[in-house]
Amino acid sequence: MRLHHTRSATIVAAALSVGLLALPACKKKKSPPTVADTPSPSDPVPPPGPTGEVPNVGGLSLPQPPRAPIFRTQNPRAAAVRATAEKNMKDVVMAIQNFEATHGALPAGYADKTGKPGLSWRVAILPFLEQDPLFRQFKLDEAWDSPNNIKLLDKMPKQFAPPNEPTYGYTFTRGFTGPNTWLPPLQQPVRPGQQLFGVKLLNITDGTSNTALIADAWDPVIWTKPDEMVFSPNSVPKLGGVFESGTIVGLADGSTHLVRKNADPTLFPRLIQINDGQPVQLD
């Protein structure tokens, strides 16, 4: 009997030993993810930008601007794409003209709560691009990156974008500011929400067919931001960010033209200035 009892005790001890050895393996079994480990499907995920992302602009993560030029000459659809781009720019310059006919001067945007430019002329012409519902969503006395206005960046009208190319709220369509341009710098702060104006078409003594209001910039900007190309006679901003072959310009008479990249370097200073008295010859 003593031998049987000893043998039973040995068997029980061995069983306990096996069970204890199995316990660590059970602990290693992966548990299902908790709520904190699993992203909510309702969380907004910004679209991936062409070259990465810039975090925390107005509390929102925004993609970086696209790299220029967007379209290269070897694109087999270059002619059709350029025709669409010219039509889009024509829509924009016609909207600028219609704004001037309604308000008596060219659009320059709106002042924010500091009395300085807070929204661009592109926002101001939205009603003339059949974008009244979008226009009414803006708080005109706030800057482009205010909590309300920054939510509207992805609603950029197609006329401000290269044809069929996502630019995530960036536009190459920019105007010119500086001495003797149609968008002279604001001299002093004004009241919040006040509409800002450029010159009148009558002030363009060179003639509307000889003066460029907008063009494809090399560096795109957020479309609602009042950030235009700074010009001086000795410093012409870099242009041509959409087409490698040249720059589409929108003139004050409502027409558009493609200026080839090998054009006379003195052409753009003469086109941009509103009353320099220099002749302009476009193809």
Protein backbone atom coordinates (compact mmCIF):
# COMPACT_ATOMS: atom_id res chain seq x y z
CA MET A 1 0.00 0.00 0.00
CA ARG A 2 2.80 2.41 0.78
CA LEU A 3 4.28 1.81 -2.70
CA HIS A 4 0.92 2.45 -4.37
CA HIS A 5 0.47 5.72 -2.43
CA THR A 6 3.95 6.92 -3.45
CA ARG A 7 3.31 6.10 -7.10
CA SER A 8 -0.03 8.02 -7.05
CA ALA A 9 1.65 11.04 -5.54
CA THR A 10 4.28 10.96 -8.28
CA ILE A 11 1.62 10.89 -10.99
CA VAL A 12 -0.26 13.86 -9.44
CA ALA A 13 2.98 15.87 -9.16
CA ALA A 14 3.84 15.21 -12.80
CA ALA A 15 0.37 16.33 -13.92
CA LEU A 16 0.68 19.56 -11.94
CA SER A 17 4.11 20.18 -13.45
CA VAL A 18 2.75 19.80 -16.99
CA GLY A 19 -0.11 22.19 -16.19
CA LEU A 20 2.26 24.80 -14.79
CA LEU A 21 4.48 24.57 -17.86
CA ALA A 22 1.45 25.18 -20.10
CA LEU A 23 0.39 28.35 -18.28
CA PRO A 24 2.95 30.74 -19.89
CA ALA A 25 1.89 29.57 -23.34
CA CYS A 26 -1.73 30.44 -22.53
CA LYS A 27 -0.68 33.92 -21.42
CA LYS A 28 1.05 34.57 -24.74
CA LYS A 29 -2.19 34.18 -26.67
CA LYS A 30 -2.98 37.55 -28.30
CA SER A 31 -6.09 39.21 -26.97
CA PRO A 32 -8.48 41.03 -29.34
CA PRO A 33 -7.80 44.77 -29.82
CA THR A 34 -9.52 47.16 -27.49
CA VAL A 35 -11.60 50.15 -28.63
CA ALA A 36 -8.60 52.42 -28.06
CA ASP A 37 -6.44 50.26 -30.37
CA THR A 38 -8.96 50.35 -33.25
CA PRO A 39 -9.45 53.61 -35.16
CA SER A 40 -13.01 54.74 -35.47
CA PRO A 41 -14.32 54.51 -39.04
CA SER A 42 -15.88 57.94 -38.58
CA ASP A 43 -12.55 59.63 -37.88
CA PRO A 44 -11.70 61.93 -40.83
CA VAL A 45 -8.59 60.90 -42.69
CA PRO A 46 -7.15 63.62 -44.95
CA PRO A 47 -6.29 62.51 -48.47
CA PRO A 48 -2.63 61.75 -49.08
CA GLY A 49 -0.89 64.67 -50.72
CA PRO A 50 1.33 64.37 -53.77
CA THR A 51 4.47 64.99 -51.73
CA GLY A 52 3.46 64.30 -48.13
CA GLU A 53 1.60 66.31 -45.53
CA VAL A 54 2.04 69.51 -43.55
CA PRO A 55 0.53 69.02 -40.07
CA ASN A 56 -1.51 71.41 -37.96
CA VAL A 57 -2.35 74.23 -40.36
CA GLY A 58 -5.23 75.89 -38.58
CA GLY A 59 -5.64 72.69 -36.59
CA LEU A 60 -6.08 70.62 -39.74
CA SER A 61 -3.57 68.34 -41.44
CA LEU A 62 -3.12 69.49 -45.02
CA PRO A 63 -1.22 67.97 -47.94
CA GLN A 64 1.73 69.78 -49.40
CA PRO A 65 1.23 71.66 -52.67
CA PRO A 66 1.66 69.72 -55.91
CA ARG A 67 4.94 69.93 -57.76
CA ALA A 68 5.16 72.00 -60.91
CA PRO A 69 4.72 71.60 -63.77
CA ILE A 70 1.59 69.46 -63.68
CA PHE A 71 1.47 68.65 -67.41
CA ARG A 72 4.50 67.94 -69.54
CA THR A 73 4.81 68.27 -73.31
CA GLN A 74 4.91 64.52 -73.91
CA ASN A 75 1.38 64.16 -72.58
CA PRO A 76 -0.61 62.81 -75.57
CA ARG A 77 -3.68 64.71 -74.38
CA ALA A 78 -1.84 68.00 -73.99
CA ALA A 79 -3.90 69.93 -76.56
CA ALA A 80 -7.25 68.85 -75.12
CA VAL A 81 -6.12 69.47 -71.55
CA ARG A 82 -4.82 72.91 -72.44
CA ALA A 83 -8.13 73.80 -74.12
CA THR A 84 -9.97 72.89 -70.91
CA ALA A 85 -7.49 74.87 -68.83
CA GLU A 86 -7.96 77.93 -71.03
CA LYS A 87 -11.74 77.63 -70.72
CA ASN A 88 -11.47 77.42 -66.94
CA MET A 89 -9.29 80.52 -66.83
CA LYS A 90 -11.66 82.32 -69.15
CA ASP A 91 -14.50 81.55 -66.74
CA VAL A 92 -12.42 83.09 -63.94
CA VAL A 93 -11.53 86.30 -65.78
CA MET A 94 -15.14 86.70 -66.91
CA ALA A 95 -16.23 86.34 -63.28
CA ILE A 96 -13.69 89.02 -62.33
CA GLN A 97 -15.14 91.29 -65.02
CA ASN A 98 -18.70 90.67 -63.85
CA PHE A 99 -17.66 91.42 -60.27
CA GLU A 100 -16.22 94.74 -61.45
CA ALA A 101 -19.39 95.55 -63.39
CA THR A 102 -21.43 94.92 -60.22
CA HIS A 103 -19.20 96.54 -57.58
CA GLY A 104 -17.35 99.18 -59.58
CA ALA A 105 -13.83 97.81 -59.02
CA LEU A 106 -11.87 94.58 -59.33
CA PRO A 107 -12.08 92.08 -56.43
CA ALA A 108 -9.35 91.87 -53.79
CA GLY A 109 -11.04 89.73 -51.11
CA TYR A 110 -12.21 90.41 -47.55
CA ALA A 111 -10.62 91.74 -44.36
CA ASP A 112 -10.40 89.48 -41.32
CA LYS A 113 -10.87 90.43 -37.65
CA THR A 114 -7.48 92.19 -37.65
CA GLY A 115 -8.53 94.45 -40.52
CA LYS A 116 -6.03 92.87 -42.90
CA PRO A 117 -6.73 90.68 -45.95
CA GLY A 118 -8.11 87.35 -44.72
CA LEU A 119 -9.83 85.84 -47.78
CA SER A 120 -8.76 85.98 -51.42
CA TRP A 121 -10.39 87.49 -54.47
CA ARG A 122 -11.17 83.92 -55.51
CA VAL A 123 -13.67 83.73 -52.66
CA ALA A 124 -15.13 87.11 -53.64
CA ILE A 125 -15.98 85.98 -57.18
CA LEU A 126 -17.73 82.75 -56.14
CA PRO A 127 -21.22 84.20 -56.78
CA PHE A 128 -20.11 84.96 -60.34
CA LEU A 129 -19.02 81.36 -60.84
CA GLU A 130 -22.48 80.07 -59.86
CA GLN A 131 -21.12 79.11 -56.45
CA ASP A 132 -23.54 81.06 -54.20
CA PRO A 133 -24.17 78.15 -51.77
CA LEU A 134 -20.43 77.77 -51.19
CA PHE A 135 -19.96 81.54 -50.83
CA ARG A 136 -22.61 81.68 -48.09
CA GLN A 137 -20.71 79.12 -46.02
CA PHE A 138 -17.74 81.47 -45.53
CA LYS A 139 -17.42 83.78 -42.55
CA LEU A 140 -16.20 86.85 -44.39
CA ASP A 141 -14.76 88.54 -41.32
CA GLU A 142 -12.49 85.59 -40.57
CA ALA A 143 -9.19 84.52 -42.10
CA TRP A 144 -8.87 81.66 -44.57
CA ASP A 145 -7.54 79.34 -41.85
CA SER A 146 -10.19 80.04 -39.21
CA PRO A 147 -11.97 76.94 -37.80
CA ASN A 148 -14.97 77.61 -40.05
CA ASN A 149 -13.27 78.66 -43.28
CA ILE A 150 -10.55 76.03 -43.32
CA LYS A 151 -13.21 73.32 -43.57
CA LEU A 152 -14.13 74.65 -47.03
CA LEU A 153 -10.74 74.13 -48.68
CA ASP A 154 -11.72 70.87 -50.36
CA LYS A 155 -14.70 72.56 -52.02
CA MET A 156 -12.50 74.50 -54.47
CA PRO A 157 -14.35 75.10 -57.77
CA LYS A 158 -12.97 73.25 -60.77
CA GLN A 159 -12.11 76.53 -62.51
CA PHE A 160 -9.22 77.04 -60.08
CA ALA A 161 -7.73 73.57 -60.57
CA PRO A 162 -5.72 71.97 -63.41
CA PRO A 163 -8.09 69.80 -65.50
CA ASN A 164 -8.84 66.44 -63.86
CA GLU A 165 -5.90 66.78 -61.46
CA PRO A 166 -6.44 66.74 -57.68
CA THR A 167 -4.53 69.51 -55.95
CA TYR A 168 -6.17 69.18 -52.52
CA GLY A 169 -7.28 72.81 -52.19
CA TYR A 170 -4.25 74.40 -53.87
CA THR A 171 -4.51 76.56 -56.97
CA PHE A 172 -2.00 77.82 -59.52
CA THR A 173 -4.43 80.60 -60.57
CA ARG A 174 -3.06 83.73 -58.94
CA GLY A 175 -3.14 87.46 -59.53
CA PHE A 176 -0.40 90.08 -59.35
CA THR A 177 0.24 92.55 -56.54
CA GLY A 178 2.79 95.30 -56.23
CA PRO A 179 3.39 98.74 -57.75
CA ASN A 180 1.46 99.47 -60.92
CA THR A 181 -0.59 96.25 -60.73
CA TRP A 182 -4.33 95.71 -60.47
CA LEU A 183 -3.99 94.51 -56.84
CA PRO A 184 -2.07 97.25 -55.03
CA PRO A 185 -1.11 96.34 -51.44
CA LEU A 186 -3.54 97.39 -48.69
CA GLN A 187 -2.18 100.59 -47.16
CA GLN A 188 -3.89 100.39 -43.76
CA PRO A 189 -6.22 98.05 -41.85
CA VAL A 190 -9.96 98.32 -42.44
CA ARG A 191 -12.99 97.06 -40.54
CA PRO A 192 -13.42 93.26 -40.19
CA GLY A 193 -15.40 91.68 -43.00
CA GLN A 194 -15.03 94.70 -45.26
CA GLN A 195 -14.89 93.92 -48.95
CA LEU A 196 -11.54 94.82 -50.48
CA PHE A 197 -11.05 96.14 -53.99
CA GLY A 198 -8.35 96.43 -56.59
CA VAL A 199 -8.29 99.06 -59.29
CA LYS A 200 -11.13 99.87 -61.68
CA LEU A 201 -10.92 98.68 -65.26
CA LEU A 202 -10.91 102.35 -66.27
CA ASN A 203 -7.61 102.73 -64.37
CA ILE A 204 -5.93 100.25 -66.73
CA THR A 205 -4.72 102.83 -69.23
CA ASP A 206 -2.60 100.32 -71.14
CA GLY A 207 -5.86 98.75 -72.28
CA THR A 208 -7.61 95.62 -71.05
CA SER A 209 -6.27 93.59 -74.00
CA ASN A 210 -2.70 94.46 -72.99
CA THR A 211 -2.91 93.68 -69.26
CA ALA A 212 -2.79 90.33 -67.47
CA LEU A 213 -4.95 89.93 -64.37
CA ILE A 214 -4.15 86.28 -63.59
CA ALA A 215 -1.77 83.57 -64.72
CA ASP A 216 -0.56 80.07 -63.88
CA ALA A 217 1.91 80.63 -61.07
CA TRP A 218 4.82 78.28 -60.51
CA ASP A 219 4.06 78.09 -56.78
CA PRO A 220 0.46 77.14 -55.94
CA VAL A 221 -1.34 78.46 -52.85
CA ILE A 222 -4.43 77.53 -50.87
CA TRP A 223 -7.24 78.92 -53.02
CA THR A 224 -8.93 80.86 -50.21
CA LYS A 225 -5.69 82.45 -48.99
CA PRO A 226 -5.00 86.07 -50.05
CA ASP A 227 -1.52 85.27 -51.34
CA GLU A 228 -0.81 86.68 -54.81
CA MET A 229 2.33 86.91 -56.93
CA VAL A 230 4.48 89.86 -55.87
CA PHE A 231 5.70 91.87 -58.84
CA SER A 232 8.19 94.64 -59.36
CA PRO A 233 9.71 95.74 -62.70
CA ASN A 234 13.02 94.15 -61.70
CA SER A 235 11.52 91.02 -60.17
CA VAL A 236 8.99 89.00 -62.13
CA PRO A 237 7.49 86.02 -60.25
CA LYS A 238 8.13 82.57 -61.65
CA LEU A 239 5.25 81.36 -63.80
CA GLY A 240 4.18 78.24 -65.70
CA GLY A 241 3.37 75.73 -62.98
CA VAL A 242 0.69 73.91 -64.98
CA PHE A 243 2.13 73.41 -68.48
CA GLU A 244 5.77 72.82 -69.21
CA SER A 245 5.32 74.43 -72.64
CA GLY A 246 4.26 77.82 -71.31
CA THR A 247 1.97 79.90 -69.13
CA ILE A 248 -1.75 80.52 -69.60
CA VAL A 249 -2.66 84.11 -68.78
CA GLY A 250 -6.06 85.72 -68.37
CA LEU A 251 -6.29 89.28 -69.64
CA ALA A 252 -8.48 92.10 -68.36
CA ASP A 253 -10.57 91.96 -71.55
CA GLY A 254 -11.68 88.41 -70.69
CA SER A 255 -9.44 86.58 -73.16
CA THR A 256 -6.83 83.91 -72.41
CA HIS A 257 -3.51 83.17 -74.08
CA LEU A 258 -0.71 80.65 -73.80
CA VAL A 259 2.61 82.48 -73.53
CA ARG A 260 5.38 80.10 -74.63
CA LYS A 261 8.25 79.55 -72.23
CA ASN A 262 10.75 80.91 -74.79
CA ALA A 263 8.85 84.23 -75.13
CA ASP A 264 10.56 87.60 -74.91
CA PRO A 265 11.58 88.02 -71.22
CA THR A 266 10.33 91.62 -71.28
CA LEU A 267 6.81 90.50 -72.20
CA PHE A 268 5.52 89.70 -68.72
CA PRO A 269 6.65 92.97 -67.09
CA ARG A 270 4.74 94.79 -69.82
CA LEU A 271 1.70 92.54 -69.45
CA ILE A 272 1.52 92.78 -65.66
CA GLN A 273 1.79 96.55 -65.31
CA ILE A 274 -1.46 98.40 -65.87
CA ASN A 275 -0.17 101.72 -67.15
CA ASP A 276 3.49 101.51 -68.19
CA GLY A 277 2.63 102.58 -71.74
CA GLN A 278 4.61 99.73 -73.31
CA PRO A 279 3.13 97.89 -76.32
CA VAL A 280 2.32 94.18 -76.02
CA GLN A 281 2.22 91.65 -78.85
CA LEU A 282 0.65 88.26 -78.15
CA ASP A 283 0.39 85.35 -80.58
